[in-house]
């Protein structure tokens, strides 16, 4: 019998406040569950605006503890209610002065499984993230969930192949990539990099982008979120580049073994020859 996982993602417009933003995502999750989804993921810092368009200390107010902050606790309740695994990207406050761009992973029974902290932190116009976030320091965990082995890679991380490979070596079957990327120089990479990573590492990828303009800058987030399979093919249609959208797609996890047996990329790796990659 095929191992098919019905998975969901949300690309959302910013509502103007945290409470209504969380409530909107809860509504999307309930609708996804009603459609049979067993896992759902949200966009980068989903419960806040993309405040990194500016460098202002007022935006530290969006940070909260993980897992003991109010948003993750509320998402644990949502997971229990819907019976879905939930991937929850937030601005994490570890302790005073220690902030991270983080995603919590919650199992279908509401159990907090752990978190991923974004490794690669950009500092360019419109993406002033080093002002807010320390680089991730928890490695590339893969979580055993009710639907299978799930990993997370966040936004700018996607430009770096090393983390994608670490997740594959750890047995990831599905990797969520919550993002906030806008129309401009790198837009053409959006439908290139994640499919390429899915092929190179032979797993499914859920690529999530924000949508619309927000009050803290000129970034025009273009959505076009999607699921892509281990052959690099989109699973169903790509989401709108203008409208908020919930995607629900069936992912055939049996395809992972089929592709790994056929293409054998992991067999033919040469880690003995890669030492130069980690030299300063």
C-alpha atoms as a PDB file:
ATOM      1  CA  UNK A   1       0.000   0.000   0.000  1.00  0.00           C
ATOM      2  CA  UNK A   2       1.353   3.401  -1.003  1.00  0.00           C
ATOM      3  CA  UNK A   3       2.502   5.727   1.755  1.00  0.00           C
ATOM      4  CA  UNK A   4       0.664   8.915   0.767  1.00  0.00           C
ATOM      5  CA  UNK A   5       0.838  11.926   3.073  1.00  0.00           C
ATOM      6  CA  UNK A   6      -1.654  14.736   2.563  1.00  0.00           C
ATOM      7  CA  UNK A   7       0.301  17.904   3.353  1.00  0.00           C
ATOM      8  CA  UNK A   8      -0.601  21.581   3.511  1.00  0.00           C
ATOM      9  CA  UNK A   9       1.052  24.978   3.507  1.00  0.00           C
ATOM     10  CA  UNK A  10      -0.197  28.549   3.853  1.00  0.00           C
ATOM     11  CA  UNK A  11       0.988  31.740   2.145  1.00  0.00           C
ATOM     12  CA  UNK A  12      -0.651  34.653   3.925  1.00  0.00           C
ATOM     13  CA  UNK A  13      -0.993  38.421   3.856  1.00  0.00           C
ATOM     14  CA  UNK A  14      -0.122  40.349   7.021  1.00  0.00           C
ATOM     15  CA  UNK A  15      -3.258  41.367   8.919  1.00  0.00           C
ATOM     16  CA  UNK A  16      -1.751  44.163  11.018  1.00  0.00           C
ATOM     17  CA  UNK A  17      -1.615  42.424  14.403  1.00  0.00           C
ATOM     18  CA  UNK A  18      -0.476  39.140  15.897  1.00  0.00           C
ATOM     19  CA  UNK A  19      -3.820  37.970  17.270  1.00  0.00           C
ATOM     20  CA  UNK A  20      -5.674  38.174  13.965  1.00  0.00           C
ATOM     21  CA  UNK A  21      -2.686  36.718  12.105  1.00  0.00           C
ATOM     22  CA  UNK A  22      -2.625  33.655  14.341  1.00  0.00           C
ATOM     23  CA  UNK A  23      -6.411  33.309  14.164  1.00  0.00           C
ATOM     24  CA  UNK A  24      -6.269  33.391  10.365  1.00  0.00           C
ATOM     25  CA  UNK A  25      -3.695  30.599  10.320  1.00  0.00           C
ATOM     26  CA  UNK A  26      -5.804  28.566  12.725  1.00  0.00           C
ATOM     27  CA  UNK A  27      -8.711  28.911  10.302  1.00  0.00           C
ATOM     28  CA  UNK A  28      -6.539  27.751   7.408  1.00  0.00           C
ATOM     29  CA  UNK A  29      -5.326  24.795   9.472  1.00  0.00           C
ATOM     30  CA  UNK A  30      -8.859  23.736  10.344  1.00  0.00           C
ATOM     31  CA  UNK A  31      -9.812  23.901   6.687  1.00  0.00           C
ATOM     32  CA  UNK A  32      -6.748  21.847   5.738  1.00  0.00           C
ATOM     33  CA  UNK A  33      -7.653  19.252   8.372  1.00  0.00           C
ATOM     34  CA  UNK A  34     -11.190  19.112   7.020  1.00  0.00           C
ATOM     35  CA  UNK A  35      -9.647  18.315   3.619  1.00  0.00           C
ATOM     36  CA  UNK A  36      -7.696  15.469   5.164  1.00  0.00           C
ATOM     37  CA  UNK A  37      -4.274  17.090   5.642  1.00  0.00           C
ATOM     38  CA  UNK A  38      -2.015  15.504   8.259  1.00  0.00           C
ATOM     39  CA  UNK A  39       0.736  18.148   8.307  1.00  0.00           C
ATOM     40  CA  UNK A  40       0.795  21.916   7.736  1.00  0.00           C
ATOM     41  CA  UNK A  41       3.514  24.564   7.655  1.00  0.00           C
ATOM     42  CA  UNK A  42       3.416  28.356   7.845  1.00  0.00           C
ATOM     43  CA  UNK A  43       5.624  31.120   6.404  1.00  0.00           C
ATOM     44  CA  UNK A  44       8.707  32.703   7.993  1.00  0.00           C
ATOM     45  CA  UNK A  45       7.898  34.547  11.278  1.00  0.00           C
ATOM     46  CA  UNK A  46       4.276  33.774  10.465  1.00  0.00           C
ATOM     47  CA  UNK A  47       2.703  35.638  13.406  1.00  0.00           C
ATOM     48  CA  UNK A  48       4.437  38.968  12.673  1.00  0.00           C
ATOM     49  CA  UNK A  49       5.197  41.271   9.746  1.00  0.00           C
ATOM     50  CA  UNK A  50       8.518  40.852   7.989  1.00  0.00           C
ATOM     51  CA  UNK A  51      10.064  43.570  10.156  1.00  0.00           C
ATOM     52  CA  UNK A  52      13.582  42.896   8.811  1.00  0.00           C
ATOM     53  CA  UNK A  53      12.919  45.407   6.033  1.00  0.00           C
ATOM     54  CA  UNK A  54      14.053  47.974   8.634  1.00  0.00           C
ATOM     55  CA  UNK A  55      16.506  48.050  11.544  1.00  0.00           C
ATOM     56  CA  UNK A  56      14.595  49.347  14.548  1.00  0.00           C
ATOM     57  CA  UNK A  57      14.753  48.121  18.167  1.00  0.00           C
ATOM     58  CA  UNK A  58      10.963  48.299  18.504  1.00  0.00           C
ATOM     59  CA  UNK A  59      10.716  45.058  16.545  1.00  0.00           C
ATOM     60  CA  UNK A  60      12.298  42.961  19.264  1.00  0.00           C
ATOM     61  CA  UNK A  61       8.796  43.026  20.719  1.00  0.00           C
ATOM     62  CA  UNK A  62       7.728  40.296  18.287  1.00  0.00           C
ATOM     63  CA  UNK A  63      10.080  37.768  19.911  1.00  0.00           C
ATOM     64  CA  UNK A  64       8.921  35.093  22.349  1.00  0.00           C
ATOM     65  CA  UNK A  65      10.150  31.902  23.964  1.00  0.00           C
ATOM     66  CA  UNK A  66      10.153  28.568  22.155  1.00  0.00           C
ATOM     67  CA  UNK A  67       8.514  26.313  23.221  1.00  0.00           C
ATOM     68  CA  UNK A  68       7.158  28.112  26.281  1.00  0.00           C
ATOM     69  CA  UNK A  69       5.838  31.240  24.559  1.00  0.00           C
ATOM     70  CA  UNK A  70       2.165  31.883  23.834  1.00  0.00           C
ATOM     71  CA  UNK A  71       2.263  31.179  20.092  1.00  0.00           C
ATOM     72  CA  UNK A  72       3.858  27.740  20.287  1.00  0.00           C
ATOM     73  CA  UNK A  73       1.572  26.738  23.166  1.00  0.00           C
ATOM     74  CA  UNK A  74      -1.416  27.834  21.096  1.00  0.00           C
ATOM     75  CA  UNK A  75      -0.139  25.864  18.111  1.00  0.00           C
ATOM     76  CA  UNK A  76       0.178  22.797  20.340  1.00  0.00           C
ATOM     77  CA  UNK A  77      -3.527  23.168  21.094  1.00  0.00           C
ATOM     78  CA  UNK A  78      -4.212  23.511  17.365  1.00  0.00           C
ATOM     79  CA  UNK A  79      -2.240  20.344  16.595  1.00  0.00           C
ATOM     80  CA  UNK A  80      -4.206  18.396  19.205  1.00  0.00           C
ATOM     81  CA  UNK A  81      -7.496  19.775  17.886  1.00  0.00           C
ATOM     82  CA  UNK A  82      -6.808  19.018  14.221  1.00  0.00           C
ATOM     83  CA  UNK A  83      -4.638  15.920  14.545  1.00  0.00           C
ATOM     84  CA  UNK A  84      -2.012  17.521  12.300  1.00  0.00           C
ATOM     85  CA  UNK A  85       1.728  17.997  12.567  1.00  0.00           C
ATOM     86  CA  UNK A  86       2.361  21.776  12.596  1.00  0.00           C
ATOM     87  CA  UNK A  87       5.562  23.610  11.526  1.00  0.00           C
ATOM     88  CA  UNK A  88       5.585  26.977  13.324  1.00  0.00           C
ATOM     89  CA  UNK A  89       8.151  29.652  12.286  1.00  0.00           C
ATOM     90  CA  UNK A  90       8.546  32.454  14.862  1.00  0.00           C
ATOM     91  CA  UNK A  91      11.009  35.052  16.176  1.00  0.00           C
ATOM     92  CA  UNK A  92      12.587  33.319  19.168  1.00  0.00           C
ATOM     93  CA  UNK A  93      13.788  34.960  22.375  1.00  0.00           C
ATOM     94  CA  UNK A  94      16.102  32.494  24.114  1.00  0.00           C
ATOM     95  CA  UNK A  95      17.252  34.978  26.781  1.00  0.00           C
ATOM     96  CA  UNK A  96      17.886  38.725  26.883  1.00  0.00           C
ATOM     97  CA  UNK A  97      19.991  39.620  23.832  1.00  0.00           C
ATOM     98  CA  UNK A  98      19.809  36.124  22.319  1.00  0.00           C
ATOM     99  CA  UNK A  99      17.371  36.056  19.408  1.00  0.00           C
ATOM    100  CA  UNK A 100      16.897  33.505  16.615  1.00  0.00           C
ATOM    101  CA  UNK A 101      14.840  32.975  13.483  1.00  0.00           C
ATOM    102  CA  UNK A 102      13.255  29.688  14.506  1.00  0.00           C
ATOM    103  CA  UNK A 103      10.694  27.062  13.538  1.00  0.00           C
ATOM    104  CA  UNK A 104       9.091  24.794  16.133  1.00  0.00           C
ATOM    105  CA  UNK A 105       7.845  21.364  15.055  1.00  0.00           C
ATOM    106  CA  UNK A 106       4.771  20.043  16.853  1.00  0.00           C
ATOM    107  CA  UNK A 107       3.486  16.495  16.473  1.00  0.00           C
ATOM    108  CA  UNK A 108      -0.121  15.590  15.674  1.00  0.00           C
ATOM    109  CA  UNK A 109      -0.919  14.975  19.358  1.00  0.00           C
ATOM    110  CA  UNK A 110       0.375  18.410  20.393  1.00  0.00           C
ATOM    111  CA  UNK A 111       3.776  17.214  21.567  1.00  0.00           C
ATOM    112  CA  UNK A 112       6.572  19.725  21.034  1.00  0.00           C
ATOM    113  CA  UNK A 113       9.280  17.789  19.170  1.00  0.00           C
ATOM    114  CA  UNK A 114      11.955  20.457  18.905  1.00  0.00           C
ATOM    115  CA  UNK A 115      13.076  23.429  16.853  1.00  0.00           C
ATOM    116  CA  UNK A 116      15.299  24.477  13.989  1.00  0.00           C
ATOM    117  CA  UNK A 117      17.197  27.782  14.054  1.00  0.00           C
ATOM    118  CA  UNK A 118      18.066  29.461  10.756  1.00  0.00           C
ATOM    119  CA  UNK A 119      21.789  29.122  10.048  1.00  0.00           C
ATOM    120  CA  UNK A 120      22.437  31.627   7.273  1.00  0.00           C
ATOM    121  CA  UNK A 121      21.509  35.200   8.176  1.00  0.00           C
ATOM    122  CA  UNK A 122      21.397  37.831   5.389  1.00  0.00           C
ATOM    123  CA  UNK A 123      22.284  41.500   5.818  1.00  0.00           C
ATOM    124  CA  UNK A 124      21.353  43.259   2.578  1.00  0.00           C
ATOM    125  CA  UNK A 125      18.858  45.941   1.620  1.00  0.00           C
ATOM    126  CA  UNK A 126      15.357  44.961   2.667  1.00  0.00           C
ATOM    127  CA  UNK A 127      16.631  41.915   4.585  1.00  0.00           C
ATOM    128  CA  UNK A 128      18.485  43.340   7.590  1.00  0.00           C
ATOM    129  CA  UNK A 129      18.376  40.107   9.554  1.00  0.00           C
ATOM    130  CA  UNK A 130      21.743  40.282  11.318  1.00  0.00           C
ATOM    131  CA  UNK A 131      20.321  43.220  13.261  1.00  0.00           C
ATOM    132  CA  UNK A 132      17.822  40.813  14.869  1.00  0.00           C
ATOM    133  CA  UNK A 133      18.998  37.204  14.652  1.00  0.00           C
ATOM    134  CA  UNK A 134      21.988  35.195  15.806  1.00  0.00           C
ATOM    135  CA  UNK A 135      23.050  32.341  13.490  1.00  0.00           C
ATOM    136  CA  UNK A 136      21.419  29.016  14.284  1.00  0.00           C
ATOM    137  CA  UNK A 137      23.331  26.684  16.577  1.00  0.00           C
ATOM    138  CA  UNK A 138      21.196  23.529  16.784  1.00  0.00           C
ATOM    139  CA  UNK A 139      22.368  21.778  13.644  1.00  0.00           C
ATOM    140  CA  UNK A 140      19.899  20.353  11.127  1.00  0.00           C
ATOM    141  CA  UNK A 141      17.483  18.218  13.130  1.00  0.00           C
ATOM    142  CA  UNK A 142      15.038  15.852  11.466  1.00  0.00           C
ATOM    143  CA  UNK A 143      11.938  15.120  13.512  1.00  0.00           C
ATOM    144  CA  UNK A 144      10.092  11.812  13.757  1.00  0.00           C
ATOM    145  CA  UNK A 145       6.469  12.878  13.361  1.00  0.00           C
ATOM    146  CA  UNK A 146       3.130  11.158  12.880  1.00  0.00           C
ATOM    147  CA  UNK A 147       3.541  11.520   9.094  1.00  0.00           C
ATOM    148  CA  UNK A 148       7.224  10.665   8.754  1.00  0.00           C
ATOM    149  CA  UNK A 149      10.624  12.339   9.070  1.00  0.00           C
ATOM    150  CA  UNK A 150      10.335  16.109   8.691  1.00  0.00           C
ATOM    151  CA  UNK A 151      13.034  18.789   8.511  1.00  0.00           C
ATOM    152  CA  UNK A 152      13.069  22.580   8.227  1.00  0.00           C
ATOM    153  CA  UNK A 153      15.311  25.002   6.321  1.00  0.00           C
ATOM    154  CA  UNK A 154      14.430  28.715   6.532  1.00  0.00           C
ATOM    155  CA  UNK A 155      14.391  31.236   3.645  1.00  0.00           C
ATOM    156  CA  UNK A 156      17.973  32.425   2.926  1.00  0.00           C
ATOM    157  CA  UNK A 157      19.222  28.992   3.970  1.00  0.00           C
ATOM    158  CA  UNK A 158      17.923  27.676   0.651  1.00  0.00           C
ATOM    159  CA  UNK A 159      20.858  29.273  -1.212  1.00  0.00           C
ATOM    160  CA  UNK A 160      23.295  26.981   0.629  1.00  0.00           C
ATOM    161  CA  UNK A 161      23.340  23.301  -0.435  1.00  0.00           C
ATOM    162  CA  UNK A 162      25.104  22.004   2.666  1.00  0.00           C
ATOM    163  CA  UNK A 163      22.073  22.124   4.964  1.00  0.00           C
ATOM    164  CA  UNK A 164      19.813  20.506   2.389  1.00  0.00           C
ATOM    165  CA  UNK A 165      22.282  17.610   2.251  1.00  0.00           C
ATOM    166  CA  UNK A 166      22.541  17.360   6.044  1.00  0.00           C
ATOM    167  CA  UNK A 167      18.763  16.965   6.207  1.00  0.00           C
ATOM    168  CA  UNK A 168      18.853  14.250   3.572  1.00  0.00           C
ATOM    169  CA  UNK A 169      21.631  12.364   5.325  1.00  0.00           C
ATOM    170  CA  UNK A 170      19.556  12.494   8.517  1.00  0.00           C
ATOM    171  CA  UNK A 171      16.684  10.783   6.714  1.00  0.00           C
ATOM    172  CA  UNK A 172      14.308  13.655   5.920  1.00  0.00           C
ATOM    173  CA  UNK A 173      11.342  12.714   3.753  1.00  0.00           C
ATOM    174  CA  UNK A 174       9.777  16.192   3.680  1.00  0.00           C
ATOM    175  CA  UNK A 175      11.507  19.541   4.279  1.00  0.00           C
ATOM    176  CA  UNK A 176       9.545  22.726   4.895  1.00  0.00           C
ATOM    177  CA  UNK A 177      11.227  25.935   3.685  1.00  0.00           C
ATOM    178  CA  UNK A 178       9.303  28.902   5.149  1.00  0.00           C
ATOM    179  CA  UNK A 179      10.409  32.122   3.474  1.00  0.00           C
ATOM    180  CA  UNK A 180       9.913  35.839   2.894  1.00  0.00           C
ATOM    181  CA  UNK A 181      11.237  36.718  -0.544  1.00  0.00           C
ATOM    182  CA  UNK A 182      10.213  39.556  -2.870  1.00  0.00           C
ATOM    183  CA  UNK A 183      10.115  40.397  -6.537  1.00  0.00           C
ATOM    184  CA  UNK A 184      13.540  41.418  -7.746  1.00  0.00           C
ATOM    185  CA  UNK A 185      17.005  40.121  -8.500  1.00  0.00           C
ATOM    186  CA  UNK A 186      16.612  36.603  -7.059  1.00  0.00           C
ATOM    187  CA  UNK A 187      12.958  35.943  -7.948  1.00  0.00           C
ATOM    188  CA  UNK A 188      13.926  33.615 -10.793  1.00  0.00           C
ATOM    189  CA  UNK A 189      15.712  31.388  -8.266  1.00  0.00           C
ATOM    190  CA  UNK A 190      12.484  30.633  -6.393  1.00  0.00           C
ATOM    191  CA  UNK A 191      11.350  27.892  -8.766  1.00  0.00           C
ATOM    192  CA  UNK A 192      14.903  26.709  -9.407  1.00  0.00           C
ATOM    193  CA  UNK A 193      16.670  26.163  -6.073  1.00  0.00           C
ATOM    194  CA  UNK A 194      14.130  24.149  -4.096  1.00  0.00           C
ATOM    195  CA  UNK A 195      13.320  21.741  -6.970  1.00  0.00           C
ATOM    196  CA  UNK A 196      17.064  21.304  -7.472  1.00  0.00           C
ATOM    197  CA  UNK A 197      17.496  20.583  -3.753  1.00  0.00           C
ATOM    198  CA  UNK A 198      14.634  18.078  -3.865  1.00  0.00           C
ATOM    199  CA  UNK A 199      16.344  16.275  -6.752  1.00  0.00           C
ATOM    200  CA  UNK A 200      19.868  16.372  -5.316  1.00  0.00           C
ATOM    201  CA  UNK A 201      18.722  15.101  -1.927  1.00  0.00           C
ATOM    202  CA  UNK A 202      15.791  12.943  -3.058  1.00  0.00           C
ATOM    203  CA  UNK A 203      12.976  14.119  -0.790  1.00  0.00           C
ATOM    204  CA  UNK A 204       9.894  16.353  -0.929  1.00  0.00           C
ATOM    205  CA  UNK A 205      10.152  20.107  -0.326  1.00  0.00           C
ATOM    206  CA  UNK A 206       7.397  22.504   0.744  1.00  0.00           C
ATOM    207  CA  UNK A 207       8.443  25.997  -0.368  1.00  0.00           C
ATOM    208  CA  UNK A 208       6.408  28.734   1.356  1.00  0.00           C
ATOM    209  CA  UNK A 209       6.603  32.451   0.559  1.00  0.00           C
ATOM    210  CA  UNK A 210       4.777  35.418   2.047  1.00  0.00           C
ATOM    211  CA  UNK A 211       2.362  37.373  -0.149  1.00  0.00           C
ATOM    212  CA  UNK A 212       1.709  41.107  -0.594  1.00  0.00           C
ATOM    213  CA  UNK A 213       3.204  44.353   0.711  1.00  0.00           C
ATOM    214  CA  UNK A 214       3.622  45.246   4.386  1.00  0.00           C
ATOM    215  CA  UNK A 215       4.003  48.529   6.243  1.00  0.00           C
ATOM    216  CA  UNK A 216       7.723  48.331   7.074  1.00  0.00           C
ATOM    217  CA  UNK A 217       9.207  48.524   3.585  1.00  0.00           C
ATOM    218  CA  UNK A 218       8.822  48.226  -0.168  1.00  0.00           C
ATOM    219  CA  UNK A 219       9.220  44.463  -0.452  1.00  0.00           C
ATOM    220  CA  UNK A 220       6.509  42.912  -2.615  1.00  0.00           C
ATOM    221  CA  UNK A 221       6.266  39.298  -1.492  1.00  0.00           C
ATOM    222  CA  UNK A 222       5.148  37.224  -4.463  1.00  0.00           C
ATOM    223  CA  UNK A 223       3.837  33.983  -2.974  1.00  0.00           C
ATOM    224  CA  UNK A 224       3.971  31.214  -5.614  1.00  0.00           C
ATOM    225  CA  UNK A 225       4.390  28.633  -2.855  1.00  0.00           C
ATOM    226  CA  UNK A 226       4.495  24.986  -3.866  1.00  0.00           C
ATOM    227  CA  UNK A 227       5.285  21.366  -3.088  1.00  0.00           C
ATOM    228  CA  UNK A 228       7.947  19.650  -5.196  1.00  0.00           C
ATOM    229  CA  UNK A 229       8.746  15.940  -5.377  1.00  0.00           C
ATOM    230  CA  UNK A 230      12.109  14.091  -5.437  1.00  0.00           C
ATOM    231  CA  UNK A 231      12.128  14.227  -9.234  1.00  0.00           C
ATOM    232  CA  UNK A 232      11.925  18.033  -9.127  1.00  0.00           C
ATOM    233  CA  UNK A 233       8.328  18.102 -10.362  1.00  0.00           C
ATOM    234  CA  UNK A 234       5.671  20.351  -8.820  1.00  0.00           C
ATOM    235  CA  UNK A 235       2.929  18.462  -6.994  1.00  0.00           C
ATOM    236  CA  UNK A 236      -0.175  20.151  -8.341  1.00  0.00           C
ATOM    237  CA  UNK A 237      -0.282  23.808  -9.262  1.00  0.00           C
ATOM    238  CA  UNK A 238       1.954  26.517  -7.812  1.00  0.00           C
ATOM    239  CA  UNK A 239       0.100  29.049  -5.637  1.00  0.00           C
ATOM    240  CA  UNK A 240      -0.903  32.539  -6.770  1.00  0.00           C
ATOM    241  CA  UNK A 241       1.649  35.361  -6.980  1.00  0.00           C
ATOM    242  CA  UNK A 242      -0.943  37.880  -5.769  1.00  0.00           C
ATOM    243  CA  UNK A 243      -3.422  36.200  -3.406  1.00  0.00           C
ATOM    244  CA  UNK A 244      -3.344  34.455  -0.059  1.00  0.00           C
ATOM    245  CA  UNK A 245      -3.718  30.713  -0.497  1.00  0.00           C
ATOM    246  CA  UNK A 246      -3.876  27.377   1.268  1.00  0.00           C
ATOM    247  CA  UNK A 247      -2.350  24.476  -0.667  1.00  0.00           C
ATOM    248  CA  UNK A 248      -3.237  20.859   0.155  1.00  0.00           C
ATOM    249  CA  UNK A 249      -1.392  18.175  -1.795  1.00  0.00           C
ATOM    250  CA  UNK A 250      -0.914  14.398  -1.683  1.00  0.00           C
ATOM    251  CA  UNK A 251       2.750  13.393  -1.399  1.00  0.00           C
ATOM    252  CA  UNK A 252       3.643   9.804  -2.301  1.00  0.00           C
ATOM    253  CA  UNK A 253       6.526   9.009   0.030  1.00  0.00           C
ATOM    254  CA  UNK A 254       7.123   5.719  -1.804  1.00  0.00           C
ATOM    255  CA  UNK A 255       8.603   7.860  -4.578  1.00  0.00           C
ATOM    256  CA  UNK A 256      11.567   8.656  -2.292  1.00  0.00           C
ATOM    257  CA  UNK A 257      12.791   5.042  -2.261  1.00  0.00           C
ATOM    258  CA  UNK A 258      12.052   4.651  -5.941  1.00  0.00           C
ATOM    259  CA  UNK A 259      14.153   7.683  -6.856  1.00  0.00           C
ATOM    260  CA  UNK A 260      16.976   6.801  -4.453  1.00  0.00           C
ATOM    261  CA  UNK A 261      17.199   3.308  -5.933  1.00  0.00           C
ATOM    262  CA  UNK A 262      17.052   4.628  -9.498  1.00  0.00           C
ATOM    263  CA  UNK A 263      19.400   7.606  -9.290  1.00  0.00           C
ATOM    264  CA  UNK A 264      21.595   6.356  -6.418  1.00  0.00           C
ATOM    265  CA  UNK A 265      22.995   9.788  -5.560  1.00  0.00           C
ATOM    266  CA  UNK A 266      23.614   8.814  -1.943  1.00  0.00           C
ATOM    267  CA  UNK A 267      25.475   5.667  -2.978  1.00  0.00           C
ATOM    268  CA  UNK A 268      27.804   7.658  -5.207  1.00  0.00           C
ATOM    269  CA  UNK A 269      28.665  10.435  -2.782  1.00  0.00           C
ATOM    270  CA  UNK A 270      32.391  10.951  -2.078  1.00  0.00           C
ATOM    271  CA  UNK A 271      32.658  12.375   1.457  1.00  0.00           C
ATOM    272  CA  UNK A 272      36.300  11.241   1.538  1.00  0.00           C
ATOM    273  CA  UNK A 273      36.996  13.816  -1.201  1.00  0.00           C
ATOM    274  CA  UNK A 274      35.033  16.741   0.210  1.00  0.00           C
ATOM    275  CA  UNK A 275      37.381  17.943   2.952  1.00  0.00           C
ATOM    276  CA  UNK A 276      38.112  21.197   1.138  1.00  0.00           C
ATOM    277  CA  UNK A 277      34.489  22.251   1.403  1.00  0.00           C
ATOM    278  CA  UNK A 278      34.814  22.934   5.122  1.00  0.00           C
ATOM    279  CA  UNK A 279      38.201  24.663   5.073  1.00  0.00           C
ATOM    280  CA  UNK A 280      38.033  28.363   6.043  1.00  0.00           C
END
